[in-house]
N, C-alpha and C. Protein backbone atom coordinates (compact mmCIF):
# COMPACT_ATOMS: atom_id res chain seq x y z
N MET A 1 -50.08 123.70 3.31
CA MET A 1 -50.67 123.12 4.51
C MET A 1 -52.09 123.66 4.64
N THR A 2 -53.01 122.75 4.87
CA THR A 2 -54.40 123.11 5.13
C THR A 2 -54.60 123.17 6.64
N LYS A 3 -55.22 124.22 7.09
CA LYS A 3 -55.50 124.35 8.53
C LYS A 3 -56.98 124.12 8.76
N LEU A 4 -57.30 123.54 9.91
CA LEU A 4 -58.68 123.30 10.27
C LEU A 4 -58.87 123.50 11.76
N ALA A 5 -60.11 123.66 12.13
CA ALA A 5 -60.44 123.81 13.54
C ALA A 5 -60.25 122.47 14.24
N PRO A 6 -60.05 122.47 15.57
CA PRO A 6 -59.92 121.19 16.29
C PRO A 6 -61.10 120.27 16.00
N ALA A 7 -60.79 118.99 15.81
CA ALA A 7 -61.82 117.99 15.51
C ALA A 7 -62.39 117.34 16.76
N LEU A 8 -61.83 117.66 17.92
CA LEU A 8 -62.36 117.09 19.15
C LEU A 8 -63.17 118.16 19.87
N PRO A 9 -64.16 117.72 20.63
CA PRO A 9 -65.01 118.70 21.32
C PRO A 9 -64.28 119.35 22.50
N ILE A 10 -64.21 120.67 22.48
CA ILE A 10 -63.56 121.42 23.55
C ILE A 10 -64.59 122.37 24.14
N GLU A 11 -64.74 122.30 25.44
CA GLU A 11 -65.60 123.24 26.15
C GLU A 11 -64.76 123.95 27.20
N VAL A 12 -65.00 125.25 27.37
CA VAL A 12 -64.29 126.03 28.37
C VAL A 12 -65.31 126.62 29.32
N ASP A 13 -65.14 126.33 30.60
CA ASP A 13 -66.02 126.87 31.64
C ASP A 13 -65.75 128.37 31.76
N SER A 14 -66.76 129.18 31.51
CA SER A 14 -66.56 130.63 31.52
C SER A 14 -66.22 131.17 32.91
N GLU A 15 -66.60 130.45 33.94
CA GLU A 15 -66.33 130.90 35.31
C GLU A 15 -64.93 130.49 35.79
N THR A 16 -64.54 129.23 35.50
CA THR A 16 -63.27 128.72 36.03
C THR A 16 -62.14 128.72 35.00
N GLY A 17 -62.49 128.77 33.72
CA GLY A 17 -61.47 128.68 32.68
C GLY A 17 -61.01 127.26 32.40
N VAL A 18 -61.62 126.25 33.04
CA VAL A 18 -61.24 124.85 32.86
C VAL A 18 -61.71 124.36 31.49
N TRP A 19 -60.77 123.77 30.76
CA TRP A 19 -61.09 123.17 29.46
C TRP A 19 -61.50 121.72 29.69
N THR A 20 -62.48 121.24 28.93
CA THR A 20 -62.86 119.83 29.00
C THR A 20 -63.08 119.30 27.58
N THR A 21 -62.80 118.02 27.43
CA THR A 21 -63.13 117.26 26.23
C THR A 21 -63.77 115.97 26.72
N ASP A 22 -64.98 115.71 26.23
CA ASP A 22 -65.72 114.52 26.66
C ASP A 22 -65.77 114.43 28.18
N ALA A 23 -65.98 115.55 28.84
CA ALA A 23 -66.13 115.66 30.30
C ALA A 23 -64.86 115.41 31.09
N LEU A 24 -63.71 115.28 30.42
CA LEU A 24 -62.43 115.13 31.13
C LEU A 24 -61.69 116.47 31.10
N PRO A 25 -61.18 116.94 32.24
CA PRO A 25 -60.45 118.20 32.27
C PRO A 25 -59.16 118.11 31.45
N MET A 26 -58.84 119.19 30.75
CA MET A 26 -57.68 119.21 29.87
C MET A 26 -56.83 120.44 30.18
N LEU A 27 -55.57 120.41 29.72
CA LEU A 27 -54.69 121.57 29.78
C LEU A 27 -54.24 121.87 28.35
N TYR A 28 -54.09 123.12 28.06
CA TYR A 28 -53.63 123.54 26.74
C TYR A 28 -52.36 124.35 26.94
N VAL A 29 -51.22 123.79 26.51
CA VAL A 29 -49.93 124.45 26.71
C VAL A 29 -49.13 124.42 25.41
N PRO A 30 -48.22 125.38 25.20
CA PRO A 30 -47.37 125.34 24.01
C PRO A 30 -46.48 124.10 24.02
N ARG A 31 -46.25 123.53 22.84
CA ARG A 31 -45.43 122.33 22.70
C ARG A 31 -44.04 122.54 23.30
N HIS A 32 -43.41 123.66 23.00
CA HIS A 32 -42.06 123.90 23.50
C HIS A 32 -42.03 123.93 25.02
N PHE A 33 -43.07 124.46 25.65
CA PHE A 33 -43.13 124.50 27.11
C PHE A 33 -43.13 123.08 27.67
N PHE A 34 -44.00 122.24 27.14
CA PHE A 34 -44.08 120.87 27.64
C PHE A 34 -42.77 120.12 27.41
N ILE A 35 -42.25 120.18 26.19
CA ILE A 35 -41.05 119.39 25.86
C ILE A 35 -39.82 119.93 26.59
N ASN A 36 -39.71 121.23 26.76
CA ASN A 36 -38.59 121.78 27.54
C ASN A 36 -38.63 121.27 28.98
N ASN A 37 -39.81 121.19 29.57
CA ASN A 37 -39.94 120.63 30.92
C ASN A 37 -39.59 119.15 30.91
N HIS A 38 -40.05 118.44 29.92
CA HIS A 38 -39.76 117.01 29.77
C HIS A 38 -38.25 116.78 29.71
N VAL A 39 -37.56 117.54 28.88
CA VAL A 39 -36.12 117.40 28.72
C VAL A 39 -35.39 117.75 30.02
N ALA A 40 -35.84 118.77 30.73
CA ALA A 40 -35.21 119.16 31.99
C ALA A 40 -35.30 118.03 33.03
N VAL A 41 -36.45 117.39 33.11
CA VAL A 41 -36.60 116.28 34.07
C VAL A 41 -35.75 115.10 33.62
N GLU A 42 -35.73 114.82 32.32
CA GLU A 42 -34.90 113.73 31.78
C GLU A 42 -33.43 113.97 32.13
N GLU A 43 -32.96 115.19 31.97
CA GLU A 43 -31.57 115.51 32.28
C GLU A 43 -31.28 115.36 33.78
N ALA A 44 -32.24 115.69 34.61
CA ALA A 44 -32.04 115.60 36.06
C ALA A 44 -32.06 114.15 36.55
N LEU A 45 -32.95 113.33 36.00
CA LEU A 45 -33.12 111.96 36.49
C LEU A 45 -32.35 110.92 35.67
N GLY A 46 -32.09 111.24 34.42
CA GLY A 46 -31.57 110.27 33.46
C GLY A 46 -32.73 109.70 32.67
N ALA A 47 -32.50 109.44 31.39
CA ALA A 47 -33.57 109.00 30.51
C ALA A 47 -34.19 107.68 30.96
N GLU A 48 -33.38 106.74 31.43
CA GLU A 48 -33.90 105.43 31.83
C GLU A 48 -34.86 105.54 33.02
N LYS A 49 -34.46 106.26 34.05
CA LYS A 49 -35.30 106.42 35.24
C LYS A 49 -36.57 107.20 34.91
N TYR A 50 -36.40 108.27 34.13
CA TYR A 50 -37.57 109.08 33.75
C TYR A 50 -38.54 108.26 32.91
N ALA A 51 -38.02 107.45 31.99
CA ALA A 51 -38.88 106.59 31.16
C ALA A 51 -39.69 105.63 32.03
N GLU A 52 -39.05 105.08 33.06
CA GLU A 52 -39.75 104.16 33.98
C GLU A 52 -40.88 104.88 34.71
N ILE A 53 -40.61 106.06 35.21
CA ILE A 53 -41.63 106.85 35.92
C ILE A 53 -42.79 107.18 34.98
N LEU A 54 -42.46 107.65 33.78
CA LEU A 54 -43.49 108.01 32.82
C LEU A 54 -44.31 106.80 32.38
N TYR A 55 -43.67 105.64 32.28
CA TYR A 55 -44.38 104.44 31.88
C TYR A 55 -45.53 104.16 32.84
N HIS A 56 -45.23 104.18 34.12
CA HIS A 56 -46.25 103.86 35.13
C HIS A 56 -47.33 104.94 35.21
N ALA A 57 -46.93 106.19 35.15
CA ALA A 57 -47.90 107.29 35.20
C ALA A 57 -48.77 107.29 33.95
N GLY A 58 -48.16 107.08 32.79
CA GLY A 58 -48.91 107.04 31.54
C GLY A 58 -49.84 105.85 31.46
N TYR A 59 -49.39 104.72 31.98
CA TYR A 59 -50.22 103.51 32.02
C TYR A 59 -51.50 103.78 32.80
N LYS A 60 -51.35 104.33 33.98
CA LYS A 60 -52.49 104.63 34.85
C LYS A 60 -53.45 105.62 34.18
N SER A 61 -52.88 106.64 33.56
CA SER A 61 -53.69 107.66 32.91
C SER A 61 -54.44 107.10 31.70
N ALA A 62 -53.77 106.29 30.90
CA ALA A 62 -54.42 105.70 29.72
C ALA A 62 -55.55 104.76 30.14
N TRP A 63 -55.31 103.98 31.18
CA TRP A 63 -56.37 103.08 31.68
C TRP A 63 -57.60 103.90 32.04
N HIS A 64 -57.39 104.95 32.84
CA HIS A 64 -58.50 105.81 33.28
C HIS A 64 -59.19 106.44 32.07
N TRP A 65 -58.41 106.99 31.14
CA TRP A 65 -58.97 107.66 29.98
C TRP A 65 -59.82 106.68 29.16
N CYS A 66 -59.30 105.50 28.88
CA CYS A 66 -60.02 104.52 28.07
C CYS A 66 -61.30 104.06 28.77
N GLU A 67 -61.22 103.89 30.06
CA GLU A 67 -62.40 103.49 30.82
C GLU A 67 -63.50 104.56 30.71
N LYS A 68 -63.12 105.82 30.91
CA LYS A 68 -64.09 106.92 30.87
C LYS A 68 -64.63 107.15 29.46
N GLU A 69 -63.75 107.10 28.47
CA GLU A 69 -64.17 107.32 27.09
C GLU A 69 -65.06 106.18 26.57
N ALA A 70 -64.74 104.96 26.93
CA ALA A 70 -65.57 103.82 26.53
C ALA A 70 -66.98 104.00 27.08
N GLU A 71 -67.05 104.41 28.34
CA GLU A 71 -68.34 104.64 28.98
C GLU A 71 -69.07 105.82 28.33
N CYS A 72 -68.36 106.90 28.11
CA CYS A 72 -68.96 108.12 27.54
C CYS A 72 -69.51 107.89 26.13
N HIS A 73 -68.80 107.13 25.32
CA HIS A 73 -69.17 106.95 23.91
C HIS A 73 -69.76 105.58 23.60
N GLY A 74 -69.90 104.72 24.61
CA GLY A 74 -70.44 103.39 24.36
C GLY A 74 -69.55 102.54 23.48
N LEU A 75 -68.22 102.64 23.70
CA LEU A 75 -67.26 101.91 22.89
C LEU A 75 -66.77 100.67 23.62
N GLU A 76 -66.28 99.70 22.85
CA GLU A 76 -65.63 98.54 23.46
C GLU A 76 -64.62 97.95 22.49
N GLY A 77 -63.73 97.15 23.05
CA GLY A 77 -62.74 96.44 22.24
C GLY A 77 -61.83 97.36 21.43
N GLU A 78 -61.57 96.94 20.20
CA GLU A 78 -60.67 97.69 19.32
C GLU A 78 -61.13 99.12 19.10
N ALA A 79 -62.44 99.35 19.15
CA ALA A 79 -62.97 100.71 18.94
C ALA A 79 -62.45 101.67 20.01
N VAL A 80 -62.22 101.18 21.22
CA VAL A 80 -61.66 102.03 22.29
C VAL A 80 -60.22 102.41 21.93
N PHE A 81 -59.44 101.43 21.50
CA PHE A 81 -58.04 101.69 21.14
C PHE A 81 -57.96 102.67 19.97
N GLU A 82 -58.78 102.47 18.95
CA GLU A 82 -58.79 103.36 17.78
C GLU A 82 -59.22 104.77 18.18
N HIS A 83 -60.20 104.87 19.07
CA HIS A 83 -60.63 106.19 19.56
C HIS A 83 -59.49 106.88 20.31
N TYR A 84 -58.74 106.11 21.08
CA TYR A 84 -57.60 106.65 21.81
C TYR A 84 -56.54 107.17 20.83
N MET A 85 -56.22 106.39 19.80
CA MET A 85 -55.24 106.83 18.80
C MET A 85 -55.71 108.10 18.10
N LEU A 86 -57.00 108.17 17.80
CA LEU A 86 -57.57 109.35 17.15
C LEU A 86 -57.43 110.58 18.04
N ARG A 87 -57.81 110.45 19.31
CA ARG A 87 -57.75 111.59 20.22
C ARG A 87 -56.31 112.03 20.47
N LEU A 88 -55.37 111.09 20.60
CA LEU A 88 -53.96 111.47 20.74
C LEU A 88 -53.50 112.26 19.52
N SER A 89 -53.91 111.81 18.36
CA SER A 89 -53.55 112.49 17.11
C SER A 89 -54.18 113.88 17.06
N GLN A 90 -55.42 113.99 17.47
CA GLN A 90 -56.12 115.28 17.42
C GLN A 90 -55.57 116.28 18.43
N ARG A 91 -54.87 115.80 19.43
CA ARG A 91 -54.33 116.69 20.46
C ARG A 91 -52.93 117.20 20.15
N GLY A 92 -52.36 116.79 19.04
CA GLY A 92 -51.09 117.35 18.62
C GLY A 92 -49.85 116.59 19.04
N TRP A 93 -49.99 115.40 19.61
CA TRP A 93 -48.82 114.60 19.99
C TRP A 93 -48.11 114.05 18.76
N GLY A 94 -48.84 113.87 17.69
CA GLY A 94 -48.36 113.28 16.46
C GLY A 94 -49.53 112.58 15.80
N HIS A 95 -49.26 111.86 14.73
CA HIS A 95 -50.30 111.09 14.06
C HIS A 95 -50.07 109.61 14.36
N PHE A 96 -50.97 109.01 15.13
CA PHE A 96 -50.85 107.62 15.58
C PHE A 96 -51.70 106.73 14.70
N ILE A 97 -51.08 105.72 14.11
CA ILE A 97 -51.76 104.79 13.23
C ILE A 97 -51.61 103.38 13.79
N THR A 98 -52.73 102.73 14.04
CA THR A 98 -52.70 101.34 14.49
C THR A 98 -52.45 100.47 13.27
N GLU A 99 -51.27 99.90 13.20
CA GLU A 99 -50.92 99.04 12.07
C GLU A 99 -51.40 97.62 12.28
N GLN A 100 -51.49 97.21 13.53
CA GLN A 100 -51.93 95.85 13.85
C GLN A 100 -52.47 95.86 15.26
N ILE A 101 -53.57 95.13 15.48
CA ILE A 101 -54.08 94.92 16.83
C ILE A 101 -54.79 93.57 16.87
N ASP A 102 -54.52 92.80 17.91
CA ASP A 102 -55.16 91.51 18.12
C ASP A 102 -55.39 91.38 19.61
N LEU A 103 -56.61 91.64 20.03
CA LEU A 103 -56.93 91.61 21.46
C LEU A 103 -56.80 90.21 22.04
N ASP A 104 -57.13 89.19 21.28
CA ASP A 104 -57.01 87.81 21.78
C ASP A 104 -55.55 87.46 22.07
N ALA A 105 -54.65 87.95 21.23
CA ALA A 105 -53.22 87.67 21.41
C ALA A 105 -52.54 88.71 22.31
N GLY A 106 -53.20 89.85 22.55
CA GLY A 106 -52.60 90.91 23.35
C GLY A 106 -51.47 91.61 22.64
N THR A 107 -51.63 91.82 21.33
CA THR A 107 -50.58 92.47 20.56
C THR A 107 -51.14 93.67 19.79
N ALA A 108 -50.25 94.61 19.56
CA ALA A 108 -50.57 95.76 18.71
C ALA A 108 -49.27 96.36 18.22
N GLN A 109 -49.35 97.03 17.10
CA GLN A 109 -48.23 97.82 16.62
C GLN A 109 -48.79 99.17 16.19
N VAL A 110 -48.14 100.22 16.68
CA VAL A 110 -48.57 101.59 16.39
C VAL A 110 -47.43 102.33 15.70
N ARG A 111 -47.76 102.99 14.61
CA ARG A 111 -46.81 103.84 13.90
C ARG A 111 -47.10 105.29 14.29
N LEU A 112 -46.05 106.05 14.53
CA LEU A 112 -46.18 107.46 14.89
C LEU A 112 -45.51 108.31 13.82
N GLU A 113 -46.30 109.13 13.17
CA GLU A 113 -45.81 110.09 12.20
C GLU A 113 -45.98 111.49 12.79
N HIS A 114 -45.16 112.43 12.39
CA HIS A 114 -45.28 113.84 12.81
C HIS A 114 -45.22 113.99 14.33
N SER A 115 -44.28 113.32 14.94
CA SER A 115 -44.10 113.36 16.39
C SER A 115 -43.80 114.77 16.89
N ALA A 116 -44.53 115.19 17.90
CA ALA A 116 -44.27 116.49 18.54
C ALA A 116 -42.86 116.54 19.11
N PHE A 117 -42.38 115.42 19.63
CA PHE A 117 -41.04 115.36 20.20
C PHE A 117 -39.98 115.54 19.12
N VAL A 118 -40.16 114.88 17.99
CA VAL A 118 -39.19 114.98 16.90
C VAL A 118 -39.25 116.38 16.29
N TYR A 119 -40.43 116.94 16.14
CA TYR A 119 -40.54 118.30 15.62
C TYR A 119 -39.78 119.28 16.51
N GLN A 120 -39.84 119.09 17.81
CA GLN A 120 -39.19 120.01 18.74
C GLN A 120 -37.69 119.71 18.90
N LEU A 121 -37.33 118.43 18.99
CA LEU A 121 -35.95 118.05 19.30
C LEU A 121 -35.10 117.76 18.07
N GLY A 122 -35.72 117.33 16.98
CA GLY A 122 -34.99 117.00 15.76
C GLY A 122 -34.39 115.60 15.80
N LYS A 123 -33.44 115.37 14.88
CA LYS A 123 -32.76 114.06 14.76
C LYS A 123 -31.65 114.00 15.81
N VAL A 124 -32.01 113.57 17.00
CA VAL A 124 -31.04 113.52 18.10
C VAL A 124 -30.37 112.15 18.24
N GLY A 125 -30.73 111.20 17.39
CA GLY A 125 -30.03 109.91 17.36
C GLY A 125 -30.48 108.91 18.40
N ARG A 126 -31.66 109.10 18.97
CA ARG A 126 -32.16 108.15 19.97
C ARG A 126 -33.69 108.20 20.00
N LYS A 127 -34.28 107.22 20.66
CA LYS A 127 -35.73 107.18 20.81
C LYS A 127 -36.14 108.27 21.81
N VAL A 128 -37.03 109.15 21.39
CA VAL A 128 -37.42 110.27 22.25
C VAL A 128 -38.89 110.24 22.66
N GLU A 129 -39.67 109.31 22.12
CA GLU A 129 -41.11 109.27 22.43
C GLU A 129 -41.46 108.17 23.43
N TYR A 130 -40.52 107.80 24.28
CA TYR A 130 -40.75 106.72 25.25
C TYR A 130 -41.91 107.03 26.19
N MET A 131 -42.28 108.28 26.30
CA MET A 131 -43.41 108.67 27.15
C MET A 131 -44.69 107.93 26.76
N PHE A 132 -44.83 107.58 25.49
CA PHE A 132 -46.06 106.96 25.00
C PHE A 132 -46.19 105.48 25.33
N THR A 133 -45.11 104.81 25.68
CA THR A 133 -45.18 103.35 25.84
C THR A 133 -46.18 102.92 26.90
N GLY A 134 -46.16 103.56 28.04
CA GLY A 134 -47.13 103.21 29.09
C GLY A 134 -48.56 103.47 28.66
N TRP A 135 -48.73 104.46 27.80
CA TRP A 135 -50.07 104.78 27.32
C TRP A 135 -50.66 103.60 26.55
N PHE A 136 -49.83 102.99 25.69
CA PHE A 136 -50.34 101.89 24.85
C PHE A 136 -50.65 100.65 25.68
N ALA A 137 -49.77 100.33 26.64
CA ALA A 137 -50.03 99.17 27.51
C ALA A 137 -51.25 99.43 28.41
N GLY A 138 -51.34 100.63 28.95
CA GLY A 138 -52.49 100.95 29.81
C GLY A 138 -53.80 100.88 29.05
N ALA A 139 -53.81 101.39 27.83
CA ALA A 139 -55.01 101.32 27.00
C ALA A 139 -55.37 99.87 26.69
N MET A 140 -54.38 99.10 26.24
CA MET A 140 -54.63 97.70 25.89
C MET A 140 -55.13 96.92 27.10
N ASN A 141 -54.51 97.12 28.25
CA ASN A 141 -54.89 96.35 29.44
C ASN A 141 -56.27 96.74 29.96
N GLN A 142 -56.65 98.00 29.84
CA GLN A 142 -58.00 98.40 30.25
C GLN A 142 -59.02 97.71 29.34
N ILE A 143 -58.75 97.69 28.06
CA ILE A 143 -59.65 97.06 27.10
C ILE A 143 -59.76 95.55 27.38
N LEU A 144 -58.61 94.92 27.64
CA LEU A 144 -58.61 93.49 27.95
C LEU A 144 -59.39 93.21 29.23
N ALA A 145 -59.17 94.01 30.27
CA ALA A 145 -59.89 93.82 31.54
C ALA A 145 -61.39 93.99 31.34
N ALA A 146 -61.78 94.98 30.54
CA ALA A 146 -63.21 95.21 30.28
C ALA A 146 -63.84 94.04 29.55
N ARG A 147 -63.04 93.28 28.80
CA ARG A 147 -63.52 92.09 28.10
C ARG A 147 -63.52 90.86 28.99
N GLY A 148 -62.99 91.01 30.22
CA GLY A 148 -62.91 89.88 31.13
C GLY A 148 -61.66 89.04 30.96
N SER A 149 -60.71 89.53 30.19
CA SER A 149 -59.47 88.80 29.94
C SER A 149 -58.46 89.06 31.07
N SER A 150 -57.74 88.03 31.46
CA SER A 150 -56.67 88.18 32.46
C SER A 150 -55.32 88.48 31.80
N LEU A 151 -55.27 88.45 30.47
CA LEU A 151 -54.05 88.75 29.72
C LEU A 151 -53.64 90.19 29.99
N ARG A 152 -52.35 90.42 30.22
CA ARG A 152 -51.83 91.77 30.41
C ARG A 152 -50.62 91.95 29.50
N THR A 153 -50.37 93.20 29.14
CA THR A 153 -49.36 93.50 28.13
C THR A 153 -48.32 94.49 28.64
N ILE A 154 -47.30 94.64 27.83
CA ILE A 154 -46.24 95.63 28.03
C ILE A 154 -46.00 96.26 26.65
N ALA A 155 -45.54 97.49 26.65
CA ALA A 155 -45.28 98.16 25.37
C ALA A 155 -43.85 98.69 25.36
N GLU A 156 -43.28 98.79 24.16
CA GLU A 156 -41.94 99.36 24.01
C GLU A 156 -41.86 100.12 22.69
N GLN A 157 -41.01 101.11 22.68
CA GLN A 157 -40.73 101.82 21.44
C GLN A 157 -39.59 101.09 20.74
N THR A 158 -39.81 100.70 19.51
CA THR A 158 -38.78 99.98 18.77
C THR A 158 -38.04 100.86 17.77
N GLN A 159 -38.60 102.03 17.48
CA GLN A 159 -37.97 102.92 16.50
C GLN A 159 -38.51 104.33 16.71
N SER A 160 -37.67 105.33 16.41
CA SER A 160 -38.06 106.74 16.50
C SER A 160 -37.60 107.48 15.26
N ALA A 161 -38.41 108.42 14.82
CA ALA A 161 -38.02 109.27 13.69
C ALA A 161 -36.85 110.18 14.07
N ALA A 162 -36.51 110.24 15.35
CA ALA A 162 -35.35 111.01 15.80
C ALA A 162 -34.04 110.24 15.58
N GLU A 163 -34.14 108.96 15.20
CA GLU A 163 -32.97 108.13 14.96
C GLU A 163 -32.55 108.20 13.48
N PRO A 164 -31.27 108.03 13.22
CA PRO A 164 -30.79 108.05 11.82
C PRO A 164 -31.49 106.97 10.99
N GLY A 165 -31.87 107.33 9.78
CA GLY A 165 -32.47 106.38 8.85
C GLY A 165 -33.92 106.04 9.12
N CYS A 166 -34.54 106.67 10.09
CA CYS A 166 -35.94 106.38 10.43
C CYS A 166 -36.80 107.61 10.16
N ASP A 167 -37.96 107.38 9.57
CA ASP A 167 -38.88 108.47 9.27
C ASP A 167 -40.09 108.49 10.18
N VAL A 168 -40.32 107.40 10.92
CA VAL A 168 -41.48 107.29 11.80
C VAL A 168 -41.09 106.61 13.10
N GLY A 169 -41.92 106.75 14.09
CA GLY A 169 -41.77 106.00 15.33
C GLY A 169 -42.60 104.72 15.24
N VAL A 170 -42.16 103.69 15.94
CA VAL A 170 -42.90 102.42 15.97
C VAL A 170 -42.93 101.92 17.41
N PHE A 171 -44.10 101.47 17.83
CA PHE A 171 -44.31 100.94 19.18
C PHE A 171 -44.94 99.56 19.06
N ALA A 172 -44.48 98.64 19.91
CA ALA A 172 -45.01 97.28 19.91
C ALA A 172 -45.62 96.98 21.29
N VAL A 173 -46.80 96.42 21.26
CA VAL A 173 -47.46 95.95 22.48
C VAL A 173 -47.47 94.43 22.39
N LYS A 174 -47.07 93.78 23.49
CA LYS A 174 -47.04 92.32 23.50
C LYS A 174 -47.42 91.84 24.89
N PRO A 175 -47.82 90.57 24.99
CA PRO A 175 -48.21 90.04 26.30
C PRO A 175 -47.04 89.99 27.26
N LEU A 176 -47.33 90.23 28.53
CA LEU A 176 -46.33 90.02 29.58
C LEU A 176 -46.04 88.52 29.67
N PRO A 177 -44.82 88.17 30.03
CA PRO A 177 -44.55 86.76 30.30
C PRO A 177 -45.47 86.27 31.44
N ASP A 178 -45.82 84.99 31.44
CA ASP A 178 -46.75 84.45 32.44
C ASP A 178 -46.35 84.80 33.86
N ALA A 179 -45.06 84.75 34.15
CA ALA A 179 -44.58 85.01 35.52
C ALA A 179 -44.80 86.47 35.93
N ALA A 180 -44.91 87.38 34.98
CA ALA A 180 -45.03 88.80 35.30
C ALA A 180 -46.48 89.26 35.40
N ARG A 181 -47.43 88.41 35.11
CA ARG A 181 -48.85 88.81 35.12
C ARG A 181 -49.39 88.93 36.51
């Protein structure tokens, strides 16, 4: 294994201790700490309810992040989505690869390799990265809105490396039905 320094810009305020990347405040916590908390909330609420809550919170956060990053770096369209996948990968969530994206159709497919959730939880026989689904829809919808499109999307996890016979996670973004827009 080759080790390297973080590829994203990290600044730490010497007075407050606040970490920032691209002017957005960040937190740096051990993976086990985050995932243990995640699992505890999932056990208390149930996976379905927790997934719903995370979808909406992640959607809102991804929209905000993409909006700010597009502005900060002068990005638009697919470049915003690719920048988002890069930053998620650089932050240790896993390696996110955009396998397909079509902004006009409102579709994307993302492959996830080296999932932090799978590394921590192992082959538990179910999809464990549902936290990311709202992120992909929020990112896609912010990009679409910035283009002036009224098309809106939804995302779902179709496969997880935590499931038997699967080596990677897969997420699909697709347009919302007309009635749900």
